[in-house]
Amino acid sequence: MSRSEKCREVMNRRWAGRRAYWRELLERQAHSGLSISGFCAQEGVHVSSFYEWRRKLKEATPTHGVGTELSTGFVRVDVELGQSTDADSGVNIALAGGASIRLMKGFDPATLRKALSVWGVSV
């Protein structure tokens, strides 16, 4: 491996660590109930850094492909139509990372909301 390739690899690892840190920080702020400036003061980070990382991460978010988050916060879904029986009617939602939600015919919407809240999705 050349020196420039090694340098790129190290930078990519550092960038990945920073992205993970800032994603987690942005998520915590969103659920904190605090203003951005109040949260940043509490965490000891500069407000300008917060906004800069929020912009960077938004730009880096994939905007296409099954299971990838769109800039709106929605996830692209491809529908596959197949044959089903009455006993099998319903919807199976495959989530990124291998998890799935199966909604049987006549499902309870309140239960679905509770299940989605476990994944941090509010409806």
PDB file of N, CA and C in Angstrom:
ATOM      1  N   MET A   1       0.851  -1.177   0.000  1.00  0.00           N
ATOM      2  CA  MET A   1       0.000   0.000   0.000  1.00  0.00           C
ATOM      3  C   MET A   1       0.895   1.239   0.000  1.00  0.00           C
ATOM      4  N   SER A   2       0.587   2.166  -0.883  1.00  0.00           N
ATOM      5  CA  SER A   2       1.411   3.370  -0.982  1.00  0.00           C
ATOM      6  C   SER A   2       1.148   4.300   0.203  1.00  0.00           C
ATOM      7  N   ARG A   3       2.024   5.249   0.369  1.00  0.00           N
ATOM      8  CA  ARG A   3       1.894   6.196   1.473  1.00  0.00           C
ATOM      9  C   ARG A   3       0.608   7.010   1.354  1.00  0.00           C
ATOM     10  N   SER A   4       0.271   7.442   0.139  1.00  0.00           N
ATOM     11  CA  SER A   4      -0.951   8.234  -0.042  1.00  0.00           C
ATOM     12  C   SER A   4      -2.196   7.392   0.229  1.00  0.00           C
ATOM     13  N   GLU A   5      -2.166   6.091  -0.106  1.00  0.00           N
ATOM     14  CA  GLU A   5      -3.295   5.208   0.186  1.00  0.00           C
ATOM     15  C   GLU A   5      -3.450   5.013   1.692  1.00  0.00           C
ATOM     16  N   LYS A   6      -2.326   4.877   2.392  1.00  0.00           N
ATOM     17  CA  LYS A   6      -2.374   4.745   3.851  1.00  0.00           C
ATOM     18  C   LYS A   6      -2.954   6.003   4.487  1.00  0.00           C
ATOM     19  N   CYS A   7      -2.516   7.136   3.981  1.00  0.00           N
ATOM     20  CA  CYS A   7      -2.990   8.420   4.503  1.00  0.00           C
ATOM     21  C   CYS A   7      -4.500   8.552   4.286  1.00  0.00           C
ATOM     22  N   ARG A   8      -4.971   8.173   3.085  1.00  0.00           N
ATOM     23  CA  ARG A   8      -6.407   8.220   2.799  1.00  0.00           C
ATOM     24  C   ARG A   8      -7.192   7.292   3.729  1.00  0.00           C
ATOM     25  N   GLU A   9      -6.654   6.121   3.986  1.00  0.00           N
ATOM     26  CA  GLU A   9      -7.313   5.153   4.860  1.00  0.00           C
ATOM     27  C   GLU A   9      -7.455   5.714   6.279  1.00  0.00           C
ATOM     28  N   VAL A  10      -6.389   6.323   6.781  1.00  0.00           N
ATOM     29  CA  VAL A  10      -6.423   6.921   8.125  1.00  0.00           C
ATOM     30  C   VAL A  10      -7.449   8.052   8.169  1.00  0.00           C
ATOM     31  N   MET A  11      -7.464   8.887   7.139  1.00  0.00           N
ATOM     32  CA  MET A  11      -8.411  10.000   7.095  1.00  0.00           C
ATOM     33  C   MET A  11      -9.850   9.491   7.018  1.00  0.00           C
ATOM     34  N   ASN A  12     -10.073   8.429   6.252  1.00  0.00           N
ATOM     35  CA  ASN A  12     -11.417   7.859   6.159  1.00  0.00           C
ATOM     36  C   ASN A  12     -11.890   7.330   7.510  1.00  0.00           C
ATOM     37  N   ARG A  13     -10.998   6.687   8.255  1.00  0.00           N
ATOM     38  CA  ARG A  13     -11.356   6.197   9.589  1.00  0.00           C
ATOM     39  C   ARG A  13     -11.684   7.352  10.527  1.00  0.00           C
ATOM     40  N   ARG A  14     -10.866   8.394  10.466  1.00  0.00           N
ATOM     41  CA  ARG A  14     -11.128   9.566  11.320  1.00  0.00           C
ATOM     42  C   ARG A  14     -12.469  10.196  10.962  1.00  0.00           C
ATOM     43  N   TRP A  15     -12.724  10.349   9.655  1.00  0.00           N
ATOM     44  CA  TRP A  15     -13.966  10.948   9.178  1.00  0.00           C
ATOM     45  C   TRP A  15     -15.159  10.115   9.639  1.00  0.00           C
ATOM     46  N   ALA A  16     -15.051   8.791   9.544  1.00  0.00           N
ATOM     47  CA  ALA A  16     -16.138   7.902   9.965  1.00  0.00           C
ATOM     48  C   ALA A  16     -16.421   8.065  11.458  1.00  0.00           C
ATOM     49  N   GLY A  17     -15.373   8.175  12.260  1.00  0.00           N
ATOM     50  CA  GLY A  17     -15.547   8.383  13.692  1.00  0.00           C
ATOM     51  C   GLY A  17     -16.206   9.711  14.006  1.00  0.00           C
ATOM     52  N   ARG A  18     -15.804  10.737  13.308  1.00  0.00           N
ATOM     53  CA  ARG A  18     -16.413  12.060  13.520  1.00  0.00           C
ATOM     54  C   ARG A  18     -17.876  12.058  13.092  1.00  0.00           C
ATOM     55  N   ARG A  19     -18.156  11.438  11.936  1.00  0.00           N
ATOM     56  CA  ARG A  19     -19.552  11.361  11.473  1.00  0.00           C
ATOM     57  C   ARG A  19     -20.411  10.651  12.504  1.00  0.00           C
ATOM     58  N   ALA A  20     -19.940   9.535  13.040  1.00  0.00           N
ATOM     59  CA  ALA A  20     -20.708   8.787  14.041  1.00  0.00           C
ATOM     60  C   ALA A  20     -20.953   9.653  15.281  1.00  0.00           C
ATOM     61  N   TYR A  21     -19.918  10.342  15.734  1.00  0.00           N
ATOM     62  CA  TYR A  21     -20.039  11.206  16.910  1.00  0.00           C
ATOM     63  C   TYR A  21     -21.091  12.288  16.676  1.00  0.00           C
ATOM     64  N   TRP A  22     -21.011  12.971  15.529  1.00  0.00           N
ATOM     65  CA  TRP A  22     -21.927  14.069  15.264  1.00  0.00           C
ATOM     66  C   TRP A  22     -23.340  13.584  14.975  1.00  0.00           C
ATOM     67  N   ARG A  23     -23.492  12.440  14.338  1.00  0.00           N
ATOM     68  CA  ARG A  23     -24.841  11.890  14.134  1.00  0.00           C
ATOM     69  C   ARG A  23     -25.506  11.637  15.485  1.00  0.00           C
ATOM     70  N   GLU A  24     -24.742  11.047  16.394  1.00  0.00           N
ATOM     71  CA  GLU A  24     -25.265  10.751  17.720  1.00  0.00           C
ATOM     72  C   GLU A  24     -25.602  12.044  18.457  1.00  0.00           C
ATOM     73  N   LEU A  25     -24.746  13.051  18.332  1.00  0.00           N
ATOM     74  CA  LEU A  25     -24.981  14.333  18.989  1.00  0.00           C
ATOM     75  C   LEU A  25     -26.224  15.019  18.424  1.00  0.00           C
ATOM     76  N   LEU A  26     -26.386  15.007  17.107  1.00  0.00           N
ATOM     77  CA  LEU A  26     -27.556  15.611  16.471  1.00  0.00           C
ATOM     78  C   LEU A  26     -28.834  14.892  16.909  1.00  0.00           C
ATOM     79  N   GLU A  27     -28.764  13.594  17.008  1.00  0.00           N
ATOM     80  CA  GLU A  27     -29.916  12.802  17.447  1.00  0.00           C
ATOM     81  C   GLU A  27     -30.279  13.142  18.896  1.00  0.00           C
ATOM     82  N   ARG A  28     -29.268  13.250  19.753  1.00  0.00           N
ATOM     83  CA  ARG A  28     -29.525  13.594  21.159  1.00  0.00           C
ATOM     84  C   ARG A  28     -30.148  14.974  21.286  1.00  0.00           C
ATOM     85  N   GLN A  29     -29.665  15.924  20.487  1.00  0.00           N
ATOM     86  CA  GLN A  29     -30.241  17.267  20.542  1.00  0.00           C
ATOM     87  C   GLN A  29     -31.704  17.239  20.110  1.00  0.00           C
ATOM     88  N   ALA A  30     -32.000  16.490  19.064  1.00  0.00           N
ATOM     89  CA  ALA A  30     -33.372  16.428  18.555  1.00  0.00           C
ATOM     90  C   ALA A  30     -34.340  15.895  19.609  1.00  0.00           C
ATOM     91  N   HIS A  31     -33.865  15.003  20.472  1.00  0.00           N
ATOM     92  CA  HIS A  31     -34.725  14.413  21.498  1.00  0.00           C
ATOM     93  C   HIS A  31     -34.580  15.089  22.867  1.00  0.00           C
ATOM     94  N   SER A  32     -33.720  16.090  22.951  1.00  0.00           N
ATOM     95  CA  SER A  32     -33.439  16.705  24.256  1.00  0.00           C
ATOM     96  C   SER A  32     -34.497  17.693  24.717  1.00  0.00           C
ATOM     97  N   GLY A  33     -35.210  18.284  23.767  1.00  0.00           N
ATOM     98  CA  GLY A  33     -36.158  19.327  24.136  1.00  0.00           C
ATOM     99  C   GLY A  33     -35.492  20.682  24.310  1.00  0.00           C
ATOM    100  N   LEU A  34     -34.177  20.732  24.146  1.00  0.00           N
ATOM    101  CA  LEU A  34     -33.434  21.990  24.278  1.00  0.00           C
ATOM    102  C   LEU A  34     -33.274  22.662  22.925  1.00  0.00           C
ATOM    103  N   SER A  35     -33.082  23.971  22.964  1.00  0.00           N
ATOM    104  CA  SER A  35     -32.733  24.680  21.727  1.00  0.00           C
ATOM    105  C   SER A  35     -31.333  24.233  21.316  1.00  0.00           C
ATOM    106  N   ILE A  36     -30.973  24.492  20.077  1.00  0.00           N
ATOM    107  CA  ILE A  36     -29.639  24.111  19.614  1.00  0.00           C
ATOM    108  C   ILE A  36     -28.575  24.839  20.422  1.00  0.00           C
ATOM    109  N   SER A  37     -28.780  26.128  20.660  1.00  0.00           N
ATOM    110  CA  SER A  37     -27.771  26.875  21.422  1.00  0.00           C
ATOM    111  C   SER A  37     -27.675  26.376  22.863  1.00  0.00           C
ATOM    112  N   GLY A  38     -28.813  26.061  23.487  1.00  0.00           N
ATOM    113  CA  GLY A  38     -28.800  25.535  24.853  1.00  0.00           C
ATOM    114  C   GLY A  38     -28.135  24.168  24.932  1.00  0.00           C
ATOM    115  N   PHE A  39     -28.441  23.304  23.955  1.00  0.00           N
ATOM    116  CA  PHE A  39     -27.837  21.977  23.921  1.00  0.00           C
ATOM    117  C   PHE A  39     -26.332  22.079  23.718  1.00  0.00           C
ATOM    118  N   CYS A  40     -25.916  22.944  22.780  1.00  0.00           N
ATOM    119  CA  CYS A  40     -24.483  23.092  22.499  1.00  0.00           C
ATOM    120  C   CYS A  40     -23.732  23.617  23.719  1.00  0.00           C
ATOM    121  N   ALA A  41     -24.340  24.556  24.442  1.00  0.00           N
ATOM    122  CA  ALA A  41     -23.708  25.078  25.659  1.00  0.00           C
ATOM    123  C   ALA A  41     -23.556  23.958  26.687  1.00  0.00           C
ATOM    124  N   GLN A  42     -24.585  23.135  26.821  1.00  0.00           N
ATOM    125  CA  GLN A  42     -24.550  22.026  27.774  1.00  0.00           C
ATOM    126  C   GLN A  42     -23.485  21.000  27.397  1.00  0.00           C
ATOM    127  N   GLU A  43     -23.315  20.750  26.094  1.00  0.00           N
ATOM    128  CA  GLU A  43     -22.369  19.742  25.612  1.00  0.00           C
ATOM    129  C   GLU A  43     -20.954  20.292  25.387  1.00  0.00           C
ATOM    130  N   GLY A  44     -20.813  21.610  25.445  1.00  0.00           N
ATOM    131  CA  GLY A  44     -19.496  22.216  25.237  1.00  0.00           C
ATOM    132  C   GLY A  44     -19.036  22.221  23.787  1.00  0.00           C
ATOM    133  N   VAL A  45     -19.986  22.331  22.859  1.00  0.00           N
ATOM    134  CA  VAL A  45     -19.632  22.420  21.437  1.00  0.00           C
ATOM    135  C   VAL A  45     -20.094  23.767  20.896  1.00  0.00           C
ATOM    136  N   HIS A  46     -19.417  24.225  19.872  1.00  0.00           N
ATOM    137  CA  HIS A  46     -19.775  25.502  19.254  1.00  0.00           C
ATOM    138  C   HIS A  46     -21.016  25.326  18.391  1.00  0.00           C
ATOM    139  N   VAL A  47     -21.922  26.289  18.466  1.00  0.00           N
ATOM    140  CA  VAL A  47     -23.143  26.260  17.672  1.00  0.00           C
ATOM    141  C   VAL A  47     -22.801  26.196  16.188  1.00  0.00           C
ATOM    142  N   SER A  48     -21.769  26.929  15.764  1.00  0.00           N
ATOM    143  CA  SER A  48     -21.388  26.920  14.345  1.00  0.00           C
ATOM    144  C   SER A  48     -20.930  25.524  13.904  1.00  0.00           C
ATOM    145  N   SER A  49     -20.244  24.807  14.781  1.00  0.00           N
ATOM    146  CA  SER A  49     -19.828  23.433  14.468  1.00  0.00           C
ATOM    147  C   SER A  49     -21.044  22.529  14.337  1.00  0.00           C
ATOM    148  N   PHE A  50     -22.013  22.727  15.221  1.00  0.00           N
ATOM    149  CA  PHE A  50     -23.236  21.935  15.165  1.00  0.00           C
ATOM    150  C   PHE A  50     -23.916  22.101  13.808  1.00  0.00           C
ATOM    151  N   TYR A  51     -24.107  23.353  13.392  1.00  0.00           N
ATOM    152  CA  TYR A  51     -24.767  23.602  12.110  1.00  0.00           C
ATOM    153  C   TYR A  51     -23.928  23.096  10.934  1.00  0.00           C
ATOM    154  N   GLU A  52     -22.625  23.240  11.014  1.00  0.00           N
ATOM    155  CA  GLU A  52     -21.740  22.760   9.945  1.00  0.00           C
ATOM    156  C   GLU A  52     -21.845  21.240   9.795  1.00  0.00           C
ATOM    157  N   TRP A  53     -21.813  20.512  10.900  1.00  0.00           N
ATOM    158  CA  TRP A  53     -21.915  19.057  10.828  1.00  0.00           C
ATOM    159  C   TRP A  53     -23.305  18.607  10.413  1.00  0.00           C
ATOM    160  N   ARG A  54     -24.316  19.326  10.829  1.00  0.00           N
ATOM    161  CA  ARG A  54     -25.664  18.985  10.388  1.00  0.00           C
ATOM    162  C   ARG A  54     -25.764  19.108   8.865  1.00  0.00           C
ATOM    163  N   ARG A  55     -25.163  20.169   8.309  1.00  0.00           N
ATOM    164  CA  ARG A  55     -25.154  20.368   6.854  1.00  0.00           C
ATOM    165  C   ARG A  55     -24.353  19.265   6.171  1.00  0.00           C
ATOM    166  N   LYS A  56     -23.156  18.962   6.695  1.00  0.00           N
ATOM    167  CA  LYS A  56     -22.303  17.933   6.089  1.00  0.00           C
ATOM    168  C   LYS A  56     -23.001  16.580   6.060  1.00  0.00           C
ATOM    169  N   LEU A  57     -23.619  16.224   7.171  1.00  0.00           N
ATOM    170  CA  LEU A  57     -24.267  14.923   7.251  1.00  0.00           C
ATOM    171  C   LEU A  57     -25.503  14.849   6.360  1.00  0.00           C
ATOM    172  N   LYS A  58     -26.204  15.934   6.232  1.00  0.00           N
ATOM    173  CA  LYS A  58     -27.362  15.962   5.339  1.00  0.00           C
ATOM    174  C   LYS A  58     -26.911  15.785   3.892  1.00  0.00           C
ATOM    175  N   GLU A  59     -25.820  16.446   3.523  1.00  0.00           N
ATOM    176  CA  GLU A  59     -25.294  16.324   2.160  1.00  0.00           C
ATOM    177  C   GLU A  59     -24.766  14.921   1.892  1.00  0.00           C
ATOM    178  N   ALA A  60     -24.252  14.256   2.925  1.00  0.00           N
ATOM    179  CA  ALA A  60     -23.661  12.927   2.760  1.00  0.00           C
ATOM    180  C   ALA A  60     -24.708  11.813   2.783  1.00  0.00           C
ATOM    181  N   THR A  61     -25.963  12.143   3.143  1.00  0.00           N
ATOM    182  CA  THR A  61     -27.006  11.130   3.213  1.00  0.00           C
ATOM    183  C   THR A  61     -27.367  10.665   1.815  1.00  0.00           C
ATOM    184  N   PRO A  62     -27.355   9.354   1.561  1.00  0.00           N
ATOM    185  CA  PRO A  62     -27.752   8.854   0.248  1.00  0.00           C
ATOM    186  C   PRO A  62     -29.184   9.258  -0.070  1.00  0.00           C
ATOM    187  N   THR A  63     -29.449   9.523  -1.336  1.00  0.00           N
ATOM    188  CA  THR A  63     -30.781   9.965  -1.729  1.00  0.00           C
ATOM    189  C   THR A  63     -31.472   8.961  -2.636  1.00  0.00           C
ATOM    190  N   HIS A  64     -30.936   7.758  -2.759  1.00  0.00           N
ATOM    191  CA  HIS A  64     -31.594   6.746  -3.574  1.00  0.00           C
ATOM    192  C   HIS A  64     -31.168   5.363  -3.139  1.00  0.00           C
ATOM    193  N   GLY A  65     -31.884   4.387  -3.625  1.00  0.00           N
ATOM    194  CA  GLY A  65     -31.579   3.000  -3.280  1.00  0.00           C
ATOM    195  C   GLY A  65     -32.524   2.489  -2.224  1.00  0.00           C
ATOM    196  N   VAL A  66     -32.900   1.257  -2.332  1.00  0.00           N
ATOM    197  CA  VAL A  66     -33.838   0.660  -1.387  1.00  0.00           C
ATOM    198  C   VAL A  66     -33.255   0.697   0.010  1.00  0.00           C
ATOM    199  N   GLY A  67     -34.045   1.152   0.955  1.00  0.00           N
ATOM    200  CA  GLY A  67     -33.629   1.169   2.347  1.00  0.00           C
ATOM    201  C   GLY A  67     -32.702   2.305   2.722  1.00  0.00           C
ATOM    202  N   THR A  68     -32.447   3.247   1.799  1.00  0.00           N
ATOM    203  CA  THR A  68     -31.590   4.378   2.147  1.00  0.00           C
ATOM    204  C   THR A  68     -32.458   5.586   2.435  1.00  0.00           C
ATOM    205  N   GLU A  69     -32.019   6.381   3.366  1.00  0.00           N
ATOM    206  CA  GLU A  69     -32.793   7.532   3.788  1.00  0.00           C
ATOM    207  C   GLU A  69     -32.749   8.612   2.724  1.00  0.00           C
ATOM    208  N   LEU A  70     -33.906   9.178   2.413  1.00  0.00           N
ATOM    209  CA  LEU A  70     -33.977  10.298   1.492  1.00  0.00           C
ATOM    210  C   LEU A  70     -33.784  11.585   2.275  1.00  0.00           C
ATOM    211  N   SER A  71     -33.522  12.687   1.581  1.00  0.00           N
ATOM    212  CA  SER A  71     -33.277  13.949   2.272  1.00  0.00           C
ATOM    213  C   SER A  71     -34.504  14.405   3.055  1.00  0.00           C
ATOM    214  N   THR A  72     -35.689  13.883   2.753  1.00  0.00           N
ATOM    215  CA  THR A  72     -36.905  14.233   3.485  1.00  0.00           C
ATOM    216  C   THR A  72     -37.038  13.462   4.782  1.00  0.00           C
ATOM    217  N   GLY A  73     -36.179  12.449   5.004  1.00  0.00           N
ATOM    218  CA  GLY A  73     -36.296  11.608   6.177  1.00  0.00           C
ATOM    219  C   GLY A  73     -37.059  10.337   5.891  1.00  0.00           C
ATOM    220  N   PHE A  74     -37.656  10.235   4.703  1.00  0.00           N
ATOM    221  CA  PHE A  74     -38.344   9.016   4.316  1.00  0.00           C
ATOM    222  C   PHE A  74     -37.354   8.022   3.753  1.00  0.00           C
ATOM    223  N   VAL A  75     -37.768   6.802   3.663  1.00  0.00           N
ATOM    224  CA  VAL A  75     -36.945   5.742   3.111  1.00  0.00           C
ATOM    225  C   VAL A  75     -37.608   5.244   1.840  1.00  0.00           C
ATOM    226  N   ARG A  76     -36.809   5.043   0.793  1.00  0.00           N
ATOM    227  CA  ARG A  76     -37.338   4.533  -0.466  1.00  0.00           C
ATOM    228  C   ARG A  76     -37.796   3.091  -0.264  1.00  0.00           C
ATOM    229  N   VAL A  77     -38.946   2.782  -0.823  1.00  0.00           N
ATOM    230  CA  VAL A  77     -39.507   1.442  -0.712  1.00  0.00           C
ATOM    231  C   VAL A  77     -39.873   0.955  -2.108  1.00  0.00           C
ATOM    232  N   ASP A  78     -39.452  -0.250  -2.445  1.00  0.00           N
ATOM    233  CA  ASP A  78     -39.878  -0.893  -3.684  1.00  0.00           C
ATOM    234  C   ASP A  78     -40.928  -1.917  -3.333  1.00  0.00           C
ATOM    235  N   VAL A  79     -42.036  -1.882  -4.042  1.00  0.00           N
ATOM    236  CA  VAL A  79     -43.140  -2.788  -3.776  1.00  0.00           C
ATOM    237  C   VAL A  79     -43.055  -3.962  -4.734  1.00  0.00           C
ATOM    238  N   GLU A  80     -43.109  -5.153  -4.183  1.00  0.00           N
ATOM    239  CA  GLU A  80     -43.130  -6.366  -4.989  1.00  0.00           C
ATOM    240  C   GLU A  80     -44.503  -6.987  -4.845  1.00  0.00           C
ATOM    241  N   LEU A  81     -45.210  -7.106  -5.957  1.00  0.00           N
ATOM    242  CA  LEU A  81     -46.533  -7.701  -5.922  1.00  0.00           C
ATOM    243  C   LEU A  81     -46.405  -9.190  -6.170  1.00  0.00           C
ATOM    244  N   GLY A  82     -47.086  -9.945  -5.379  1.00  0.00           N
ATOM    245  CA  GLY A  82     -47.068 -11.391  -5.535  1.00  0.00           C
ATOM    246  C   GLY A  82     -48.426 -11.954  -5.203  1.00  0.00           C
ATOM    247  N   GLN A  83     -48.570 -13.219  -5.355  1.00  0.00           N
ATOM    248  CA  GLN A  83     -49.836 -13.861  -5.033  1.00  0.00           C
ATOM    249  C   GLN A  83     -49.911 -14.072  -3.529  1.00  0.00           C
ATOM    250  N   SER A  84     -51.080 -13.881  -2.985  1.00  0.00           N
ATOM    251  CA  SER A  84     -51.272 -14.125  -1.566  1.00  0.00           C
ATOM    252  C   SER A  84     -52.637 -14.736  -1.353  1.00  0.00           C
ATOM    253  N   THR A  85     -52.782 -15.340  -0.224  1.00  0.00           N
ATOM    254  CA  THR A  85     -54.077 -15.901   0.144  1.00  0.00           C
ATOM    255  C   THR A  85     -54.673 -14.996   1.200  1.00  0.00           C
ATOM    256  N   ASP A  86     -55.943 -15.204   1.525  1.00  0.00           N
ATOM    257  CA  ASP A  86     -56.580 -14.392   2.565  1.00  0.00           C
ATOM    258  C   ASP A  86     -55.835 -14.492   3.887  1.00  0.00           C
ATOM    259  N   ALA A  87     -55.359 -15.690   4.218  1.00  0.00           N
ATOM    260  CA  ALA A  87     -54.635 -15.902   5.473  1.00  0.00           C
ATOM    261  C   ALA A  87     -53.303 -15.169   5.465  1.00  0.00           C
ATOM    262  N   ASP A  88     -52.775 -14.906   4.271  1.00  0.00           N
ATOM    263  CA  ASP A  88     -51.459 -14.289   4.126  1.00  0.00           C
ATOM    264  C   ASP A  88     -51.547 -12.799   3.822  1.00  0.00           C
ATOM    265  N   SER A  89     -52.756 -12.254   3.621  1.00  0.00           N
ATOM    266  CA  SER A  89     -52.852 -10.852   3.212  1.00  0.00           C
ATOM    267  C   SER A  89     -52.278  -9.949   4.283  1.00  0.00           C
ATOM    268  N   GLY A  90     -51.633  -8.938   3.841  1.00  0.00           N
ATOM    269  CA  GLY A  90     -51.033  -7.980   4.738  1.00  0.00           C
ATOM    270  C   GLY A  90     -49.837  -7.348   4.079  1.00  0.00           C
ATOM    271  N   VAL A  91     -49.039  -6.696   4.881  1.00  0.00           N
ATOM    272  CA  VAL A  91     -47.875  -5.985   4.372  1.00  0.00           C
ATOM    273  C   VAL A  91     -46.663  -6.400   5.196  1.00  0.00           C
ATOM    274  N   ASN A  92     -45.563  -6.656   4.522  1.00  0.00           N
ATOM    275  CA  ASN A  92     -44.301  -6.935   5.194  1.00  0.00           C
ATOM    276  C   ASN A  92     -43.349  -5.796   4.841  1.00  0.00           C
ATOM    277  N   ILE A  93     -42.873  -5.077   5.838  1.00  0.00           N
ATOM    278  CA  ILE A  93     -41.984  -3.940   5.619  1.00  0.00           C
ATOM    279  C   ILE A  93     -40.581  -4.372   6.032  1.00  0.00           C
ATOM    280  N   ALA A  94     -39.676  -4.431   5.048  1.00  0.00           N
ATOM    281  CA  ALA A  94     -38.279  -4.787   5.328  1.00  0.00           C
ATOM    282  C   ALA A  94     -37.509  -3.505   5.586  1.00  0.00           C
ATOM    283  N   LEU A  95     -36.894  -3.409   6.748  1.00  0.00           N
ATOM    284  CA  LEU A  95     -36.146  -2.222   7.138  1.00  0.00           C
ATOM    285  C   LEU A  95     -34.663  -2.427   6.879  1.00  0.00           C
ATOM    286  N   ALA A  96     -33.949  -1.323   6.762  1.00  0.00           N
ATOM    287  CA  ALA A  96     -32.500  -1.399   6.610  1.00  0.00           C
ATOM    288  C   ALA A  96     -31.920  -2.106   7.822  1.00  0.00           C
ATOM    289  N   GLY A  97     -30.893  -2.893   7.615  1.00  0.00           N
ATOM    290  CA  GLY A  97     -30.255  -3.606   8.713  1.00  0.00           C
ATOM    291  C   GLY A  97     -30.869  -4.973   8.975  1.00  0.00           C
ATOM    292  N   GLY A  98     -31.850  -5.370   8.156  1.00  0.00           N
ATOM    293  CA  GLY A  98     -32.394  -6.705   8.261  1.00  0.00           C
ATOM    294  C   GLY A  98     -33.662  -6.845   9.083  1.00  0.00           C
ATOM    295  N   ALA A  99     -34.067  -5.819   9.811  1.00  0.00           N
ATOM    296  CA  ALA A  99     -35.300  -5.909  10.597  1.00  0.00           C
ATOM    297  C   ALA A  99     -36.500  -5.799   9.664  1.00  0.00           C
ATOM    298  N   SER A 100     -37.621  -6.334  10.078  1.00  0.00           N
ATOM    299  CA  SER A 100     -38.830  -6.201   9.269  1.00  0.00           C
ATOM    300  C   SER A 100     -40.056  -6.111  10.175  1.00  0.00           C
ATOM    301  N   ILE A 101     -41.112  -5.538   9.627  1.00  0.00           N
ATOM    302  CA  ILE A 101     -42.386  -5.420  10.321  1.00  0.00           C
ATOM    303  C   ILE A 101     -43.435  -6.064   9.422  1.00  0.00           C
ATOM    304  N   ARG A 102     -44.172  -6.987   9.975  1.00  0.00           N
ATOM    305  CA  ARG A 102     -45.222  -7.641   9.204  1.00  0.00           C
ATOM    306  C   ARG A 102     -46.572  -7.192   9.750  1.00  0.00           C
ATOM    307  N   LEU A 103     -47.370  -6.585   8.887  1.00  0.00           N
ATOM    308  CA  LEU A 103     -48.699  -6.121   9.254  1.00  0.00           C
ATOM    309  C   LEU A 103     -49.717  -7.067   8.641  1.00  0.00           C
ATOM    310  N   MET A 104     -50.421  -7.763   9.486  1.00  0.00           N
ATOM    311  CA  MET A 104     -51.439  -8.694   9.017  1.00  0.00           C
ATOM    312  C   MET A 104     -52.723  -7.920   8.724  1.00  0.00           C
ATOM    313  N   LYS A 105     -53.567  -8.512   7.939  1.00  0.00           N
ATOM    314  CA  LYS A 105     -54.854  -7.912   7.604  1.00  0.00           C
ATOM    315  C   LYS A 105     -55.572  -7.560   8.913  1.00  0.00           C
ATOM    316  N   GLY A 106     -56.039  -6.314   9.031  1.00  0.00           N
ATOM    317  CA  GLY A 106     -56.745  -5.874  10.221  1.00  0.00           C
ATOM    318  C   GLY A 106     -55.838  -5.478  11.377  1.00  0.00           C
ATOM    319  N   PHE A 107     -54.567  -5.113  11.093  1.00  0.00           N
ATOM    320  CA  PHE A 107     -53.635  -4.752  12.169  1.00  0.00           C
ATOM    321  C   PHE A 107     -54.129  -3.545  12.952  1.00  0.00           C
ATOM    322  N   ASP A 108     -53.627  -3.389  14.167  1.00  0.00           N
ATOM    323  CA  ASP A 108     -53.986  -2.280  15.052  1.00  0.00           C
ATOM    324  C   ASP A 108     -52.995  -1.130  14.859  1.00  0.00           C
ATOM    325  N   PRO A 109     -53.445   0.021  14.323  1.00  0.00           N
ATOM    326  CA  PRO A 109     -52.535   1.148  14.093  1.00  0.00           C
ATOM    327  C   PRO A 109     -51.811   1.628  15.349  1.00  0.00           C
ATOM    328  N   ALA A 110     -52.444   1.568  16.501  1.00  0.00           N
ATOM    329  CA  ALA A 110     -51.803   2.010  17.747  1.00  0.00           C
ATOM    330  C   ALA A 110     -50.608   1.123  18.085  1.00  0.00           C
ATOM    331  N   THR A 111     -50.751  -0.173  17.832  1.00  0.00           N
ATOM    332  CA  THR A 111     -49.646  -1.100  18.078  1.00  0.00           C
ATOM    333  C   THR A 111     -48.496  -0.824  17.125  1.00  0.00           C
ATOM    334  N   LEU A 112     -48.822  -0.513  15.869  1.00  0.00           N
ATOM    335  CA  LEU A 112     -47.782  -0.163  14.896  1.00  0.00           C
ATOM    336  C   LEU A 112     -47.027   1.084  15.357  1.00  0.00           C
ATOM    337  N   ARG A 113     -47.741   2.106  15.820  1.00  0.00           N
ATOM    338  CA  ARG A 113     -47.075   3.328  16.309  1.00  0.00           C
ATOM    339  C   ARG A 113     -46.125   3.008  17.451  1.00  0.00           C
ATOM    340  N   LYS A 114     -46.549   2.140  18.372  1.00  0.00           N
ATOM    341  CA  LYS A 114     -45.692   1.760  19.497  1.00  0.00           C
ATOM    342  C   LYS A 114     -44.444   1.028  19.005  1.00  0.00           C
ATOM    343  N   ALA A 115     -44.652   0.121  18.050  1.00  0.00           N
ATOM    344  CA  ALA A 115     -43.506  -0.624  17.507  1.00  0.00           C
ATOM    345  C   ALA A 115     -42.527   0.313  16.808  1.00  0.00           C
ATOM    346  N   LEU A 116     -43.041   1.247  16.033  1.00  0.00           N
ATOM    347  CA  LEU A 116     -42.177   2.189  15.324  1.00  0.00           C
ATOM    348  C   LEU A 116     -41.417   3.091  16.289  1.00  0.00           C
ATOM    349  N   SER A 117     -42.044   3.423  17.422  1.00  0.00           N
ATOM    350  CA  SER A 117     -41.377   4.285  18.396  1.00  0.00           C
ATOM    351  C   SER A 117     -40.132   3.617  18.972  1.00  0.00           C
ATOM    352  N   VAL A 118     -40.112   2.278  18.997  1.00  0.00           N
ATOM    353  CA  VAL A 118     -38.946   1.552  19.474  1.00  0.00           C
ATOM    354  C   VAL A 118     -37.747   1.854  18.569  1.00  0.00           C
ATOM    355  N   TRP A 119     -38.010   2.036  17.259  1.00  0.00           N
ATOM    356  CA  TRP A 119     -36.954   2.355  16.301  1.00  0.00           C
ATOM    357  C   TRP A 119     -36.712   3.854  16.220  1.00  0.00           C
ATOM    358  N   GLY A 120     -37.399   4.635  17.044  1.00  0.00           N
ATOM    359  CA  GLY A 120     -37.205   6.075  17.040  1.00  0.00           C
ATOM    360  C   GLY A 120     -37.985   6.785  15.967  1.00  0.00           C
ATOM    361  N   VAL A 121     -39.004   6.140  15.395  1.00  0.00           N
ATOM    362  CA  VAL A 121     -39.824   6.754  14.359  1.00  0.00           C
ATOM    363  C   VAL A 121     -41.106   7.232  14.991  1.00  0.00           C
ATOM    364  N   SER A 122     -41.413   8.515  14.830  1.00  0.00           N
ATOM    365  CA  SER A 122     -42.680   9.034  15.364  1.00  0.00           C
ATOM    366  C   SER A 122     -43.639   9.241  14.210  1.00  0.00           C
ATOM    367  N   VAL A 123     -44.858   8.821  14.428  1.00  0.00           N
ATOM    368  CA  VAL A 123     -45.887   8.901  13.383  1.00  0.00           C
ATOM    369  C   VAL A 123     -47.017   9.759  13.878  1.00  0.00           C
TER     370      VAL A 123
END
